[in-house]
PDB file of N, CA and C in Angstrom:
ATOM      1  N   MET A   1      54.786  15.798  55.834  1.00  0.00           N
ATOM      2  CA  MET A   1      54.905  14.379  56.586  1.00  0.00           C
ATOM      3  C   MET A   1      55.716  16.044  56.932  1.00  0.00           C
ATOM      4  N   LYS A   2      55.630  16.011  58.328  1.00  0.00           N
ATOM      5  CA  LYS A   2      56.674  17.815  58.879  1.00  0.00           C
ATOM      6  C   LYS A   2      57.154  16.243  59.705  1.00  0.00           C
ATOM      7  N   GLY A   3      58.755  16.814  59.598  1.00  0.00           N
ATOM      8  CA  GLY A   3      59.345  16.209  60.934  1.00  0.00           C
ATOM      9  C   GLY A   3      60.480  15.238  59.660  1.00  0.00           C
ATOM     10  N   ARG A   4      60.101  14.583  58.882  1.00  0.00           N
ATOM     11  CA  ARG A   4      60.883  13.867  58.391  1.00  0.00           C
ATOM     12  C   ARG A   4      61.254  14.000  56.774  1.00  0.00           C
ATOM     13  N   VAL A   5      62.248  13.736  56.739  1.00  0.00           N
ATOM     14  CA  VAL A   5      63.228  13.858  55.493  1.00  0.00           C
ATOM     15  C   VAL A   5      63.467  12.428  54.573  1.00  0.00           C
ATOM     16  N   SER A   6      62.561  12.651  53.454  1.00  0.00           N
ATOM     17  CA  SER A   6      62.580  11.540  52.938  1.00  0.00           C
ATOM     18  C   SER A   6      64.156  11.412  52.122  1.00  0.00           C
ATOM     19  N   GLU A   7      64.261  10.206  52.045  1.00  0.00           N
ATOM     20  CA  GLU A   7      64.986   8.998  52.309  1.00  0.00           C
ATOM     21  C   GLU A   7      65.354   8.610  49.783  1.00  0.00           C
ATOM     22  N   THR A   8      66.403   9.613  49.701  1.00  0.00           N
ATOM     23  CA  THR A   8      66.092   8.970  48.174  1.00  0.00           C
ATOM     24  C   THR A   8      67.002   7.817  48.088  1.00  0.00           C
ATOM     25  N   PRO A   9      66.943   7.245  46.708  1.00  0.00           N
ATOM     26  CA  PRO A   9      68.604   6.707  46.699  1.00  0.00           C
ATOM     27  C   PRO A   9      69.725   7.649  46.386  1.00  0.00           C
ATOM     28  N   GLY A  10      69.152   8.035  45.916  1.00  0.00           N
ATOM     29  CA  GLY A  10      70.778   8.842  46.077  1.00  0.00           C
ATOM     30  C   GLY A  10      71.815   9.906  46.855  1.00  0.00           C
ATOM     31  N   CYS A  11      70.289   9.394  47.279  1.00  0.00           N
ATOM     32  CA  CYS A  11      71.139  10.103  49.017  1.00  0.00           C
ATOM     33  C   CYS A  11      71.633   9.467  50.297  1.00  0.00           C
ATOM     34  N   ARG A  12      71.405   8.029  49.989  1.00  0.00           N
ATOM     35  CA  ARG A  12      72.309   6.755  50.350  1.00  0.00           C
ATOM     36  C   ARG A  12      72.790   6.364  50.272  1.00  0.00           C
ATOM     37  N   SER A  13      73.176   6.508  48.649  1.00  0.00           N
ATOM     38  CA  SER A  13      74.880   6.018  48.487  1.00  0.00           C
ATOM     39  C   SER A  13      75.254   7.303  48.403  1.00  0.00           C
ATOM     40  N   VAL A  14      75.286   8.407  49.048  1.00  0.00           N
ATOM     41  CA  VAL A  14      76.438   9.483  49.226  1.00  0.00           C
ATOM     42  C   VAL A  14      77.083   9.468  50.973  1.00  0.00           C
ATOM     43  N   VAL A  15      75.919   9.008  52.001  1.00  0.00           N
ATOM     44  CA  VAL A  15      76.241   8.511  52.803  1.00  0.00           C
ATOM     45  C   VAL A  15      76.890   7.291  53.565  1.00  0.00           C
ATOM     46  N   VAL A  16      76.678   6.082  52.436  1.00  0.00           N
ATOM     47  CA  VAL A  16      77.477   5.037  52.893  1.00  0.00           C
ATOM     48  C   VAL A  16      78.561   5.443  52.292  1.00  0.00           C
ATOM     49  N   ALA A  17      78.855   5.540  51.297  1.00  0.00           N
ATOM     50  CA  ALA A  17      80.223   6.008  50.446  1.00  0.00           C
ATOM     51  C   ALA A  17      81.025   7.059  51.507  1.00  0.00           C
ATOM     52  N   ALA A  18      80.274   8.307  51.468  1.00  0.00           N
ATOM     53  CA  ALA A  18      81.118   8.603  53.073  1.00  0.00           C
ATOM     54  C   ALA A  18      81.721   7.968  53.588  1.00  0.00           C
ATOM     55  N   LEU A  19      81.092   6.671  54.898  1.00  0.00           N
ATOM     56  CA  LEU A  19      80.867   6.377  55.864  1.00  0.00           C
ATOM     57  C   LEU A  19      82.817   4.812  55.661  1.00  0.00           C
ATOM     58  N   HIS A  20      82.338   4.943  54.320  1.00  0.00           N
ATOM     59  CA  HIS A  20      83.593   3.618  53.968  1.00  0.00           C
ATOM     60  C   HIS A  20      84.543   3.905  53.665  1.00  0.00           C
ATOM     61  N   SER A  21      84.651   5.753  53.365  1.00  0.00           N
ATOM     62  CA  SER A  21      85.869   6.671  52.875  1.00  0.00           C
ATOM     63  C   SER A  21      86.816   7.047  53.916  1.00  0.00           C
ATOM     64  N   ASP A  22      87.811   6.509  53.061  1.00  0.00           N
ATOM     65  CA  ASP A  22      89.440   6.404  53.982  1.00  0.00           C
ATOM     66  C   ASP A  22      89.328   8.518  54.385  1.00  0.00           C
ATOM     67  N   ARG A  23      88.624   9.181  54.111  1.00  0.00           N
ATOM     68  CA  ARG A  23      89.578  10.439  54.009  1.00  0.00           C
ATOM     69  C   ARG A  23      89.130  11.225  55.266  1.00  0.00           C
ATOM     70  N   GLY A  24      90.435  11.700  55.270  1.00  0.00           N
ATOM     71  CA  GLY A  24      90.358  13.093  56.639  1.00  0.00           C
ATOM     72  C   GLY A  24      91.361  11.641  58.413  1.00  0.00           C
ATOM     73  N   SER A  25      91.668  10.490  57.479  1.00  0.00           N
ATOM     74  CA  SER A  25      91.958   9.326  58.479  1.00  0.00           C
ATOM     75  C   SER A  25      93.118   9.723  59.412  1.00  0.00           C
ATOM     76  N   GLY A  26      94.558  10.486  58.004  1.00  0.00           N
ATOM     77  CA  GLY A  26      95.741  10.658  58.222  1.00  0.00           C
ATOM     78  C   GLY A  26      95.419  12.037  59.168  1.00  0.00           C
ATOM     79  N   SER A  27      94.946  12.774  59.576  1.00  0.00           N
ATOM     80  CA  SER A  27      94.771  13.133  60.359  1.00  0.00           C
ATOM     81  C   SER A  27      94.606  12.363  62.462  1.00  0.00           C
ATOM     82  N   VAL A  28      93.937  12.093  62.509  1.00  0.00           N
ATOM     83  CA  VAL A  28      94.029  10.524  62.519  1.00  0.00           C
ATOM     84  C   VAL A  28      94.944  10.160  63.470  1.00  0.00           C
ATOM     85  N   LEU A  29      95.983   9.419  61.848  1.00  0.00           N
ATOM     86  CA  LEU A  29      97.225   8.869  62.735  1.00  0.00           C
ATOM     87  C   LEU A  29      97.899  10.123  62.817  1.00  0.00           C
ATOM     88  N   ALA A  30      97.882  11.248  62.822  1.00  0.00           N
ATOM     89  CA  ALA A  30      98.892  12.273  62.975  1.00  0.00           C
ATOM     90  C   ALA A  30      98.673  12.637  64.248  1.00  0.00           C
ATOM     91  N   LEU A  31      97.801  12.465  64.501  1.00  0.00           N
ATOM     92  CA  LEU A  31      97.472  13.307  66.195  1.00  0.00           C
ATOM     93  C   LEU A  31      97.917  11.545  67.495  1.00  0.00           C
ATOM     94  N   ALA A  32      97.476  10.607  67.080  1.00  0.00           N
ATOM     95  CA  ALA A  32      97.557   9.602  67.539  1.00  0.00           C
ATOM     96  C   ALA A  32      99.598   9.334  67.265  1.00  0.00           C
ATOM     97  N   ALA A  33      99.520   9.860  66.738  1.00  0.00           N
ATOM     98  CA  ALA A  33     101.164  10.471  65.991  1.00  0.00           C
ATOM     99  C   ALA A  33     102.203  10.493  67.602  1.00  0.00           C
ATOM    100  N   VAL A  34     101.563  11.558  67.536  1.00  0.00           N
ATOM    101  CA  VAL A  34     101.986  12.488  67.599  1.00  0.00           C
ATOM    102  C   VAL A  34     101.607  12.506  69.832  1.00  0.00           C
ATOM    103  N   CYS A  35     100.396  11.640  69.732  1.00  0.00           N
ATOM    104  CA  CYS A  35     100.280  11.232  70.830  1.00  0.00           C
ATOM    105  C   CYS A  35     100.821  10.191  71.887  1.00  0.00           C
ATOM    106  N   ALA A  36     101.334   9.429  71.131  1.00  0.00           N
ATOM    107  CA  ALA A  36     102.846   8.214  71.305  1.00  0.00           C
ATOM    108  C   ALA A  36     103.973   9.669  71.987  1.00  0.00           C
ATOM    109  N   ILE A  37     104.448  10.241  70.981  1.00  0.00           N
ATOM    110  CA  ILE A  37     106.068  11.182  71.733  1.00  0.00           C
ATOM    111  C   ILE A  37     105.590  11.162  72.403  1.00  0.00           C
ATOM    112  N   VAL A  38     104.388  11.897  73.161  1.00  0.00           N
ATOM    113  CA  VAL A  38     104.898  12.506  74.139  1.00  0.00           C
ATOM    114  C   VAL A  38     104.571  11.983  74.874  1.00  0.00           C
ATOM    115  N   THR A  39     103.873  11.282  75.076  1.00  0.00           N
ATOM    116  CA  THR A  39     104.525   9.991  76.096  1.00  0.00           C
ATOM    117  C   THR A  39     104.952   9.182  76.293  1.00  0.00           C
ATOM    118  N   VAL A  40     106.096   8.430  75.575  1.00  0.00           N
ATOM    119  CA  VAL A  40     107.245   8.226  74.718  1.00  0.00           C
ATOM    120  C   VAL A  40     108.731   8.960  75.850  1.00  0.00           C
ATOM    121  N   ALA A  41     107.933  10.653  75.281  1.00  0.00           N
ATOM    122  CA  ALA A  41     108.954  11.541  76.354  1.00  0.00           C
ATOM    123  C   ALA A  41     108.635  11.322  77.572  1.00  0.00           C
ATOM    124  N   THR A  42     107.614  11.810  77.730  1.00  0.00           N
ATOM    125  CA  THR A  42     107.584  12.117  79.108  1.00  0.00           C
ATOM    126  C   THR A  42     106.858  10.785  79.840  1.00  0.00           C
ATOM    127  N   GLY A  43     107.884   9.625  79.692  1.00  0.00           N
ATOM    128  CA  GLY A  43     107.835   7.843  80.261  1.00  0.00           C
ATOM    129  C   GLY A  43     109.790   9.547  80.477  1.00  0.00           C
ATOM    130  N   GLY A  44     110.817   9.543  79.449  1.00  0.00           N
ATOM    131  CA  GLY A  44     111.658   9.307  79.853  1.00  0.00           C
ATOM    132  C   GLY A  44     112.325  10.349  80.364  1.00  0.00           C
ATOM    133  N   VAL A  45     111.350  11.960  80.788  1.00  0.00           N
ATOM    134  CA  VAL A  45     112.217  12.899  81.806  1.00  0.00           C
ATOM    135  C   VAL A  45     111.878  11.826  83.063  1.00  0.00           C
ATOM    136  N   ALA A  46     110.862  10.928  82.941  1.00  0.00           N
ATOM    137  CA  ALA A  46     110.672  10.437  84.660  1.00  0.00           C
ATOM    138  C   ALA A  46     111.676  10.249  84.520  1.00  0.00           C
ATOM    139  N   VAL A  47     112.034   9.060  84.203  1.00  0.00           N
ATOM    140  CA  VAL A  47     112.489   7.825  83.862  1.00  0.00           C
ATOM    141  C   VAL A  47     114.852   8.663  85.293  1.00  0.00           C
ATOM    142  N   VAL A  48     114.597   9.903  84.335  1.00  0.00           N
ATOM    143  CA  VAL A  48     115.863  10.086  83.907  1.00  0.00           C
ATOM    144  C   VAL A  48     116.315  11.204  85.422  1.00  0.00           C
ATOM    145  N   GLY A  49     115.071  11.999  85.837  1.00  0.00           N
ATOM    146  CA  GLY A  49     114.700  11.994  86.618  1.00  0.00           C
ATOM    147  C   GLY A  49     114.757  11.653  88.172  1.00  0.00           C
ATOM    148  N   ALA A  50     114.347  10.751  87.995  1.00  0.00           N
ATOM    149  CA  ALA A  50     114.556   9.284  88.880  1.00  0.00           C
ATOM    150  C   ALA A  50     116.077   9.094  89.086  1.00  0.00           C
ATOM    151  N   GLY A  51     117.136   8.443  87.749  1.00  0.00           N
ATOM    152  CA  GLY A  51     118.043   9.136  87.797  1.00  0.00           C
ATOM    153  C   GLY A  51     118.574   9.090  88.294  1.00  0.00           C
ATOM    154  N   ALA A  52     118.791  10.938  88.287  1.00  0.00           N
ATOM    155  CA  ALA A  52     118.995  11.814  88.451  1.00  0.00           C
ATOM    156  C   ALA A  52     119.396  11.831  90.460  1.00  0.00           C
ATOM    157  N   ALA A  53     118.098  11.779  90.736  1.00  0.00           N
ATOM    158  CA  ALA A  53     117.436  11.454  92.222  1.00  0.00           C
ATOM    159  C   ALA A  53     118.219  10.214  93.300  1.00  0.00           C
ATOM    160  N   HIS A  54     118.602   9.993  91.988  1.00  0.00           N
ATOM    161  CA  HIS A  54     119.097   8.409  92.596  1.00  0.00           C
ATOM    162  C   HIS A  54     120.985   8.626  92.977  1.00  0.00           C
ATOM    163  N   ALA A  55     121.148   9.846  92.266  1.00  0.00           N
ATOM    164  CA  ALA A  55     122.569   9.304  92.603  1.00  0.00           C
ATOM    165  C   ALA A  55     123.042  10.947  92.604  1.00  0.00           C
ATOM    166  N   ARG A  56     121.803  12.012  93.544  1.00  0.00           N
ATOM    167  CA  ARG A  56     122.175  12.635  94.562  1.00  0.00           C
ATOM    168  C   ARG A  56     122.695  12.332  95.707  1.00  0.00           C
ATOM    169  N   ALA A  57     121.474  10.973  95.542  1.00  0.00           N
ATOM    170  CA  ALA A  57     121.634  10.430  96.877  1.00  0.00           C
ATOM    171  C   ALA A  57     122.882   9.709  96.913  1.00  0.00           C
ATOM    172  N   ALA A  58     123.272   8.742  96.232  1.00  0.00           N
ATOM    173  CA  ALA A  58     124.067   8.459  95.928  1.00  0.00           C
ATOM    174  C   ALA A  58     125.649   9.156  96.758  1.00  0.00           C
ATOM    175  N   MET A  59     125.363  10.262  96.230  1.00  0.00           N
ATOM    176  CA  MET A  59     126.544  11.253  96.209  1.00  0.00           C
ATOM    177  C   MET A  59     126.461  11.541  97.534  1.00  0.00           C
ATOM    178  N   ALA A  60     125.825  11.927  98.111  1.00  0.00           N
ATOM    179  CA  ALA A  60     125.497  12.743  99.742  1.00  0.00           C
ATOM    180  C   ALA A  60     125.910  11.798 100.742  1.00  0.00           C
ATOM    181  N   ALA A  61     125.537  10.303 100.201  1.00  0.00           N
ATOM    182  CA  ALA A  61     125.377   9.549 101.209  1.00  0.00           C
ATOM    183  C   ALA A  61     126.971   8.719 100.939  1.00  0.00           C
ATOM    184  N   ASP A  62     127.593   9.097 100.215  1.00  0.00           N
ATOM    185  CA  ASP A  62     129.524   8.823 100.156  1.00  0.00           C
ATOM    186  C   ASP A  62     130.472   9.856 100.770  1.00  0.00           C
ATOM    187  N   LEU A  63     129.950  11.579 100.221  1.00  0.00           N
ATOM    188  CA  LEU A  63     130.552  11.701 101.315  1.00  0.00           C
ATOM    189  C   LEU A  63     129.257  12.391 102.403  1.00  0.00           C
ATOM    190  N   ALA A  64     128.702  12.493 102.256  1.00  0.00           N
ATOM    191  CA  ALA A  64     128.431  11.783 104.685  1.00  0.00           C
ATOM    192  C   ALA A  64     129.403  10.386 104.887  1.00  0.00           C
ATOM    193  N   ALA A  65     129.616   9.466 104.827  1.00  0.00           N
ATOM    194  CA  ALA A  65     130.452   8.197 104.446  1.00  0.00           C
ATOM    195  C   ALA A  65     131.384   8.237 105.739  1.00  0.00           C
ATOM    196  N   LEU A  66     131.773   9.689 104.653  1.00  0.00           N
ATOM    197  CA  LEU A  66     133.778  10.098 104.606  1.00  0.00           C
ATOM    198  C   LEU A  66     133.991  11.277 105.705  1.00  0.00           C
ATOM    199  N   ALA A  67     132.960  12.219 105.709  1.00  0.00           N
ATOM    200  CA  ALA A  67     133.426  13.150 106.315  1.00  0.00           C
ATOM    201  C   ALA A  67     133.100  12.615 108.468  1.00  0.00           C
ATOM    202  N   GLY A  68     131.900  11.690 108.108  1.00  0.00           N
ATOM    203  CA  GLY A  68     131.412  10.412 109.887  1.00  0.00           C
ATOM    204  C   GLY A  68     132.867   9.907 110.408  1.00  0.00           C
ATOM    205  N   ALA A  69     133.393   9.674 109.353  1.00  0.00           N
ATOM    206  CA  ALA A  69     134.762   8.361 109.359  1.00  0.00           C
ATOM    207  C   ALA A  69     135.950   8.875 109.066  1.00  0.00           C
ATOM    208  N   ASP A  70     135.784  10.579 108.522  1.00  0.00           N
ATOM    209  CA  ASP A  70     137.495  11.275 109.276  1.00  0.00           C
ATOM    210  C   ASP A  70     137.184  11.915 110.638  1.00  0.00           C
ATOM    211  N   VAL A  71     135.404  12.226 111.011  1.00  0.00           N
ATOM    212  CA  VAL A  71     135.756  12.394 113.527  1.00  0.00           C
ATOM    213  C   VAL A  71     135.535  11.331 112.980  1.00  0.00           C
ATOM    214  N   ALA A  72     135.203  10.110 113.705  1.00  0.00           N
ATOM    215  CA  ALA A  72     135.611   8.609 114.125  1.00  0.00           C
ATOM    216  C   ALA A  72     136.794   8.476 114.742  1.00  0.00           C
ATOM    217  N   SER A  73     137.678   8.898 113.146  1.00  0.00           N
ATOM    218  CA  SER A  73     139.116   8.726 113.550  1.00  0.00           C
ATOM    219  C   SER A  73     139.833   9.223 114.151  1.00  0.00           C
ATOM    220  N   GLY A  74     139.303  10.981 114.334  1.00  0.00           N
ATOM    221  CA  GLY A  74     140.106  12.316 114.833  1.00  0.00           C
ATOM    222  C   GLY A  74     140.248  12.600 114.313  1.00  0.00           C
ATOM    223  N   ARG A  75     140.104  12.565 112.354  1.00  0.00           N
ATOM    224  CA  ARG A  75     140.937  13.856 111.619  1.00  0.00           C
ATOM    225  C   ARG A  75     140.326  14.609 111.513  1.00  0.00           C
ATOM    226  N   ALA A  76     139.202  14.861 112.542  1.00  0.00           N
ATOM    227  CA  ALA A  76     138.368  16.382 112.492  1.00  0.00           C
ATOM    228  C   ALA A  76     137.334  16.490 113.994  1.00  0.00           C
ATOM    229  N   GLY A  77     136.967  17.131 114.089  1.00  0.00           N
ATOM    230  CA  GLY A  77     136.198  17.276 115.607  1.00  0.00           C
ATOM    231  C   GLY A  77     134.718  17.169 115.252  1.00  0.00           C
ATOM    232  N   GLY A  78     134.244  16.849 116.338  1.00  0.00           N
ATOM    233  CA  GLY A  78     132.413  16.975 116.488  1.00  0.00           C
ATOM    234  C   GLY A  78     131.952  15.419 117.024  1.00  0.00           C
ATOM    235  N   VAL A  79     131.021  14.908 116.468  1.00  0.00           N
ATOM    236  CA  VAL A  79     130.018  13.547 116.583  1.00  0.00           C
ATOM    237  C   VAL A  79     129.832  12.978 114.842  1.00  0.00           C
ATOM    238  N   PRO A  80     130.628  12.180 114.917  1.00  0.00           N
ATOM    239  CA  PRO A  80     130.120  11.598 112.930  1.00  0.00           C
ATOM    240  C   PRO A  80     129.272  11.943 112.591  1.00  0.00           C
ATOM    241  N   CYS A  81     127.832  11.104 113.277  1.00  0.00           N
ATOM    242  CA  CYS A  81     126.857  11.577 112.820  1.00  0.00           C
ATOM    243  C   CYS A  81     125.933  13.131 113.009  1.00  0.00           C
ATOM    244  N   ASP A  82     126.113  13.057 113.707  1.00  0.00           N
ATOM    245  CA  ASP A  82     125.919  14.533 113.448  1.00  0.00           C
ATOM    246  C   ASP A  82     126.815  15.558 111.833  1.00  0.00           C
ATOM    247  N   VAL A  83     127.767  15.111 112.116  1.00  0.00           N
ATOM    248  CA  VAL A  83     128.638  16.012 110.771  1.00  0.00           C
ATOM    249  C   VAL A  83     127.887  15.654 109.633  1.00  0.00           C
ATOM    250  N   ALA A  84     128.074  13.796 109.784  1.00  0.00           N
ATOM    251  CA  ALA A  84     127.162  13.079 108.351  1.00  0.00           C
ATOM    252  C   ALA A  84     125.989  14.590 107.878  1.00  0.00           C
ATOM    253  N   GLN A  85     125.298  14.046 108.785  1.00  0.00           N
ATOM    254  CA  GLN A  85     123.825  14.583 108.840  1.00  0.00           C
ATOM    255  C   GLN A  85     124.214  16.204 107.949  1.00  0.00           C
ATOM    256  N   SER A  86     124.584  16.495 108.822  1.00  0.00           N
ATOM    257  CA  SER A  86     124.985  17.773 107.612  1.00  0.00           C
ATOM    258  C   SER A  86     125.688  18.147 106.282  1.00  0.00           C
ATOM    259  N   ILE A  87     126.809  17.282 106.640  1.00  0.00           N
ATOM    260  CA  ILE A  87     127.431  17.210 105.050  1.00  0.00           C
ATOM    261  C   ILE A  87     125.825  16.743 103.511  1.00  0.00           C
ATOM    262  N   ALA A  88     125.209  15.182 104.555  1.00  0.00           N
ATOM    263  CA  ALA A  88     123.770  15.131 103.998  1.00  0.00           C
ATOM    264  C   ALA A  88     122.587  16.274 103.279  1.00  0.00           C
ATOM    265  N   GLN A  89     123.121  17.385 104.069  1.00  0.00           N
ATOM    266  CA  GLN A  89     121.996  18.608 103.591  1.00  0.00           C
ATOM    267  C   GLN A  89     122.109  19.462 102.858  1.00  0.00           C
ATOM    268  N   LEU A  90     123.425  19.991 103.109  1.00  0.00           N
ATOM    269  CA  LEU A  90     124.592  20.147 101.896  1.00  0.00           C
ATOM    270  C   LEU A  90     124.738  20.285 100.427  1.00  0.00           C
ATOM    271  N   ASN A  91     124.161  18.127 100.210  1.00  0.00           N
ATOM    272  CA  ASN A  91     124.523  18.064  99.311  1.00  0.00           C
ATOM    273  C   ASN A  91     122.619  17.753  98.904  1.00  0.00           C
ATOM    274  N   GLY A  92     121.611  18.304  99.940  1.00  0.00           N
ATOM    275  CA  GLY A  92     120.468  17.678  98.708  1.00  0.00           C
ATOM    276  C   GLY A  92     119.639  16.631  98.903  1.00  0.00           C
ATOM    277  N   ALA A  93     120.061  16.624 100.059  1.00  0.00           N
ATOM    278  CA  ALA A  93     119.617  14.069 100.696  1.00  0.00           C
ATOM    279  C   ALA A  93     118.580  14.681 102.704  1.00  0.00           C
ATOM    280  N   GLY A  94     118.548  13.934 103.191  1.00  0.00           N
ATOM    281  CA  GLY A  94     117.860  14.001 103.597  1.00  0.00           C
ATOM    282  C   GLY A  94     118.230  12.599 104.850  1.00  0.00           C
ATOM    283  N   MET A  95     119.598  12.929 105.824  1.00  0.00           N
ATOM    284  CA  MET A  95     119.935  11.224 106.108  1.00  0.00           C
ATOM    285  C   MET A  95     119.210  10.287 106.780  1.00  0.00           C
ATOM    286  N   THR A  96     118.504   9.560 105.940  1.00  0.00           N
ATOM    287  CA  THR A  96     117.833   8.173 107.580  1.00  0.00           C
ATOM    288  C   THR A  96     118.238   7.465 107.931  1.00  0.00           C
ATOM    289  N   ASP A  97     119.730   7.440 108.124  1.00  0.00           N
ATOM    290  CA  ASP A  97     120.586   6.825 109.264  1.00  0.00           C
ATOM    291  C   ASP A  97     121.791   6.688 109.150  1.00  0.00           C
ATOM    292  N   CYS A  98     122.589   6.459 110.265  1.00  0.00           N
ATOM    293  CA  CYS A  98     123.937   6.686 110.719  1.00  0.00           C
ATOM    294  C   CYS A  98     124.264   5.908 111.383  1.00  0.00           C
ATOM    295  N   HIS A  99     124.690   4.640 111.534  1.00  0.00           N
ATOM    296  CA  HIS A  99     125.642   3.991 112.371  1.00  0.00           C
ATOM    297  C   HIS A  99     127.162   4.263 112.290  1.00  0.00           C
ATOM    298  N   GLN A 100     127.433   3.619 113.436  1.00  0.00           N
ATOM    299  CA  GLN A 100     129.190   3.751 113.663  1.00  0.00           C
ATOM    300  C   GLN A 100     129.875   2.949 114.091  1.00  0.00           C
ATOM    301  N   ASN A 101     130.402   1.805 114.175  1.00  0.00           N
ATOM    302  CA  ASN A 101     131.315   0.873 114.739  1.00  0.00           C
ATOM    303  C   ASN A 101     132.237   1.166 114.074  1.00  0.00           C
ATOM    304  N   GLY A 102     132.847   1.706 115.653  1.00  0.00           N
ATOM    305  CA  GLY A 102     134.533   2.767 115.897  1.00  0.00           C
ATOM    306  C   GLY A 102     135.163   3.885 114.745  1.00  0.00           C
ATOM    307  N   THR A 103     136.030   3.000 113.912  1.00  0.00           N
ATOM    308  CA  THR A 103     136.080   3.941 113.253  1.00  0.00           C
ATOM    309  C   THR A 103     135.441   4.057 111.164  1.00  0.00           C
ATOM    310  N   VAL A 104     134.611   3.239 111.247  1.00  0.00           N
ATOM    311  CA  VAL A 104     133.392   3.037 110.100  1.00  0.00           C
ATOM    312  C   VAL A 104     132.470   3.131 110.120  1.00  0.00           C
ATOM    313  N   VAL A 105     131.913   4.039 109.378  1.00  0.00           N
ATOM    314  CA  VAL A 105     130.775   4.959 109.500  1.00  0.00           C
ATOM    315  C   VAL A 105     129.697   4.699 108.271  1.00  0.00           C
ATOM    316  N   THR A 106     128.308   3.979 108.529  1.00  0.00           N
ATOM    317  CA  THR A 106     127.805   3.752 107.222  1.00  0.00           C
ATOM    318  C   THR A 106     126.811   4.723 107.463  1.00  0.00           C
ATOM    319  N   VAL A 107     126.281   5.654 106.110  1.00  0.00           N
ATOM    320  CA  VAL A 107     125.267   6.076 106.577  1.00  0.00           C
ATOM    321  C   VAL A 107     124.209   6.283 104.919  1.00  0.00           C
ATOM    322  N   THR A 108     123.017   6.205 105.695  1.00  0.00           N
ATOM    323  CA  THR A 108     121.690   6.310 104.390  1.00  0.00           C
ATOM    324  C   THR A 108     121.058   7.311 103.851  1.00  0.00           C
ATOM    325  N   THR A 109     121.179   7.214 102.773  1.00  0.00           N
ATOM    326  CA  THR A 109     120.514   9.623 102.813  1.00  0.00           C
ATOM    327  C   THR A 109     119.193   9.085 101.649  1.00  0.00           C
ATOM    328  N   SER A 110     118.524   9.917 101.482  1.00  0.00           N
ATOM    329  CA  SER A 110     117.313   9.837 100.382  1.00  0.00           C
ATOM    330  C   SER A 110     117.216  11.600 100.757  1.00  0.00           C
ATOM    331  N   THR A 111     116.333  11.309  98.983  1.00  0.00           N
ATOM    332  CA  THR A 111     116.109  12.029  98.024  1.00  0.00           C
ATOM    333  C   THR A 111     114.621  12.192  97.447  1.00  0.00           C
ATOM    334  N   PRO A 112     114.151  13.255  97.314  1.00  0.00           N
ATOM    335  CA  PRO A 112     112.328  12.728  96.443  1.00  0.00           C
ATOM    336  C   PRO A 112     112.550  13.287  95.455  1.00  0.00           C
ATOM    337  N   TYR A 113     111.954  12.543  95.013  1.00  0.00           N
ATOM    338  CA  TYR A 113     111.643  12.500  93.381  1.00  0.00           C
ATOM    339  C   TYR A 113     109.777  11.898  93.298  1.00  0.00           C
ATOM    340  N   LEU A 114     109.291  13.462  92.630  1.00  0.00           N
ATOM    341  CA  LEU A 114     108.095  13.247  92.102  1.00  0.00           C
ATOM    342  C   LEU A 114     107.703  12.754  94.072  1.00  0.00           C
ATOM    343  N   ALA A 115     106.565  11.109  94.096  1.00  0.00           N
ATOM    344  CA  ALA A 115     105.888  11.319  95.161  1.00  0.00           C
ATOM    345  C   ALA A 115     106.566   9.842  95.388  1.00  0.00           C
ATOM    346  N   PHE A 116     107.775   9.955  95.627  1.00  0.00           N
ATOM    347  CA  PHE A 116     108.817   8.828  95.700  1.00  0.00           C
ATOM    348  C   PHE A 116     109.863   9.562  96.563  1.00  0.00           C
ATOM    349  N   ALA A 117     111.615   8.180  97.292  1.00  0.00           N
ATOM    350  CA  ALA A 117     112.274   9.295  97.423  1.00  0.00           C
ATOM    351  C   ALA A 117     112.722   7.994  97.528  1.00  0.00           C
ATOM    352  N   SER A 118     114.229   8.631  96.834  1.00  0.00           N
ATOM    353  CA  SER A 118     115.414   7.605  96.036  1.00  0.00           C
ATOM    354  C   SER A 118     116.625   7.774  97.156  1.00  0.00           C
ATOM    355  N   THR A 119     116.971   6.596  98.225  1.00  0.00           N
ATOM    356  CA  THR A 119     117.506   5.681  98.954  1.00  0.00           C
ATOM    357  C   THR A 119     119.310   5.822  98.062  1.00  0.00           C
ATOM    358  N   ALA A 120     119.836   5.748  98.667  1.00  0.00           N
ATOM    359  CA  ALA A 120     120.907   5.252  99.092  1.00  0.00           C
ATOM    360  C   ALA A 120     122.270   5.110 100.113  1.00  0.00           C
ATOM    361  N   SER A 121     122.806   4.765 100.117  1.00  0.00           N
ATOM    362  CA  SER A 121     124.218   3.922 101.607  1.00  0.00           C
ATOM    363  C   SER A 121     125.314   3.618 101.254  1.00  0.00           C
ATOM    364  N   ALA A 122     126.417   3.923 102.567  1.00  0.00           N
ATOM    365  CA  ALA A 122     126.928   4.488 102.093  1.00  0.00           C
ATOM    366  C   ALA A 122     128.491   3.805 102.891  1.00  0.00           C
ATOM    367  N   ARG A 123     129.715   3.243 102.696  1.00  0.00           N
ATOM    368  CA  ARG A 123     130.339   3.273 104.155  1.00  0.00           C
ATOM    369  C   ARG A 123     131.757   3.665 104.464  1.00  0.00           C
ATOM    370  N   ALA A 124     132.388   3.979 105.133  1.00  0.00           N
ATOM    371  CA  ALA A 124     133.816   4.734 104.933  1.00  0.00           C
ATOM    372  C   ALA A 124     133.934   4.413 106.296  1.00  0.00           C
ATOM    373  N   GLY A 125     135.098   3.959 105.780  1.00  0.00           N
ATOM    374  CA  GLY A 125     136.203   3.881 107.510  1.00  0.00           C
ATOM    375  C   GLY A 125     138.103   3.573 106.993  1.00  0.00           C
ATOM    376  N   PRO A 126     138.672   3.144 107.380  1.00  0.00           N
ATOM    377  CA  PRO A 126     140.276   2.569 107.504  1.00  0.00           C
ATOM    378  C   PRO A 126     139.588   1.238 106.166  1.00  0.00           C
ATOM    379  N   PRO A 127     140.939   0.614 105.968  1.00  0.00           N
ATOM    380  CA  PRO A 127     140.853  -0.565 104.950  1.00  0.00           C
ATOM    381  C   PRO A 127     141.206  -1.107 105.776  1.00  0.00           C
ATOM    382  N   GLY A 128     139.861  -2.201 105.842  1.00  0.00           N
ATOM    383  CA  GLY A 128     140.213  -2.972 106.818  1.00  0.00           C
ATOM    384  C   GLY A 128     139.470  -2.955 108.124  1.00  0.00           C
ATOM    385  N   GLY A 129     139.148  -1.665 108.054  1.00  0.00           N
ATOM    386  CA  GLY A 129     138.538  -1.473 109.712  1.00  0.00           C
ATOM    387  C   GLY A 129     136.476  -2.128 109.074  1.00  0.00           C
TER     388      GLY A 129
END
């Protein structure tokens, strides 16, 4: 019979034993463990990066609001929101909003991270203002 392999009882028992064996499963388990560790580490890096982007946005908003409030109070020259925008840019953030109410300046900044943006707001002015 051309093209057919004859089965013998001895051959079948070897195949069945090989299918039910645990031999080689350690490699599969090690690969699964490495994949899990890489996935968790990648997620951790993403979370840390997002936290850093938010901290950068918050710092830029704080400094921009303080600079704008200095201008609004007359301690420095210029236009409060223009000065706030330049300070935000110097600190690696874009200013998305700025409001001046007397000597109080409120600034919102944004920093990009991956496909997202992290935003933060800050308000500065004299006490009770």
